[in-house]
Amino acid sequence: MRLSVWAELRGIRYKTAWRMWKAKTLPVPAYQLATGTVVIEGDPAVSSREQRRWFEFSLRVLIKTLTPVMPATVKS
């Protein structure tokens, strides 16, 4: 998973997670792609709480993406 998602699941800011990556203090194995994206390797110890937070985060993103912008209704 991407570093930003990992940070969101743990309730920390992305910038904090990025600093941890740069300082080599992340508590999980990670690597960086040629594009610059930091990828966290599979985290087998993901708790049900983290799974729920990931689900809620994904749901919020999906709703924002799929909800059409409705124009204000005009009364005649």
Protein backbone atom coordinates (compact mmCIF):
# COMPACT_ATOMS: atom_id res chain seq x y z
CA MET A 1 0.00 0.00 0.00
CA ARG A 2 1.09 3.59 -0.55
CA LEU A 3 2.69 5.53 2.28
CA SER A 4 -0.20 8.02 2.31
CA VAL A 5 -2.74 5.23 2.85
CA TRP A 6 -0.58 3.64 5.54
CA ALA A 7 -0.36 6.99 7.34
CA GLU A 8 -4.12 7.55 7.07
CA LEU A 9 -4.83 4.12 8.54
CA ARG A 10 -2.63 4.88 11.52
CA GLY A 11 -4.01 8.36 12.10
CA ILE A 12 -0.75 10.16 11.39
CA ARG A 13 -0.06 12.91 8.89
CA TYR A 14 1.54 11.99 5.58
CA LYS A 15 4.40 14.39 6.24
CA THR A 16 5.21 12.56 9.49
CA ALA A 17 5.21 9.22 7.67
CA TRP A 18 7.44 10.73 4.95
CA ARG A 19 9.90 11.93 7.57
CA MET A 20 9.91 8.46 9.12
CA TRP A 21 10.66 7.02 5.67
CA LYS A 22 13.52 9.45 5.09
CA ALA A 23 14.95 8.74 8.55
CA LYS A 24 14.58 4.98 7.97
CA THR A 25 12.45 4.63 11.11
CA LEU A 26 9.28 3.16 9.60
CA PRO A 27 8.20 0.15 11.67
CA VAL A 28 7.39 -1.83 8.51
CA PRO A 29 9.38 -2.74 5.37
CA ALA A 30 8.98 -0.28 2.51
CA TYR A 31 10.56 0.60 -0.81
CA GLN A 32 10.43 3.47 -3.29
CA LEU A 33 9.40 3.18 -6.92
CA ALA A 34 11.18 5.03 -9.72
CA THR A 35 8.24 7.46 -9.76
CA GLY A 36 9.00 8.41 -6.15
CA THR A 37 6.03 6.60 -4.64
CA VAL A 38 6.84 4.91 -1.34
CA VAL A 39 5.19 1.51 -1.05
CA ILE A 40 4.67 -0.24 2.26
CA GLU A 41 5.10 -3.99 1.92
CA GLY A 42 2.26 -6.22 3.08
CA ASP A 43 1.47 -5.63 6.72
CA PRO A 44 0.27 -9.02 8.02
CA ALA A 45 -0.56 -7.57 11.43
CA VAL A 46 -3.39 -5.33 10.25
CA SER A 47 -5.99 -5.15 12.98
CA SER A 48 -9.73 -5.12 12.43
CA ARG A 49 -9.71 -1.51 13.61
CA GLU A 50 -7.25 -0.61 10.85
CA GLN A 51 -9.32 -2.53 8.32
CA ARG A 52 -12.40 -0.57 9.39
CA ARG A 53 -10.52 2.75 9.12
CA TRP A 54 -9.32 1.75 5.64
CA PHE A 55 -12.87 0.84 4.64
CA GLU A 56 -14.23 4.16 5.93
CA PHE A 57 -11.44 6.09 4.19
CA SER A 58 -12.11 4.25 0.91
CA LEU A 59 -15.83 4.86 1.24
CA ARG A 60 -15.30 8.61 1.76
CA VAL A 61 -13.10 8.78 -1.34
CA LEU A 62 -15.64 6.80 -3.37
CA ILE A 63 -18.53 9.02 -2.30
CA LYS A 64 -16.57 12.18 -3.13
CA THR A 65 -15.64 10.75 -6.52
CA LEU A 66 -19.06 9.48 -7.53
CA THR A 67 -21.35 12.14 -6.07
CA PRO A 68 -22.29 14.45 -8.91
CA VAL A 69 -22.27 18.14 -8.26
CA MET A 70 -25.90 19.18 -8.25
CA PRO A 71 -26.73 22.71 -9.39
CA ALA A 72 -28.93 24.73 -7.08
CA THR A 73 -32.61 24.38 -7.96
CA VAL A 74 -34.29 27.47 -9.22
CA LYS A 75 -37.93 28.06 -8.28
CA SER A 76 -40.14 29.54 -11.00
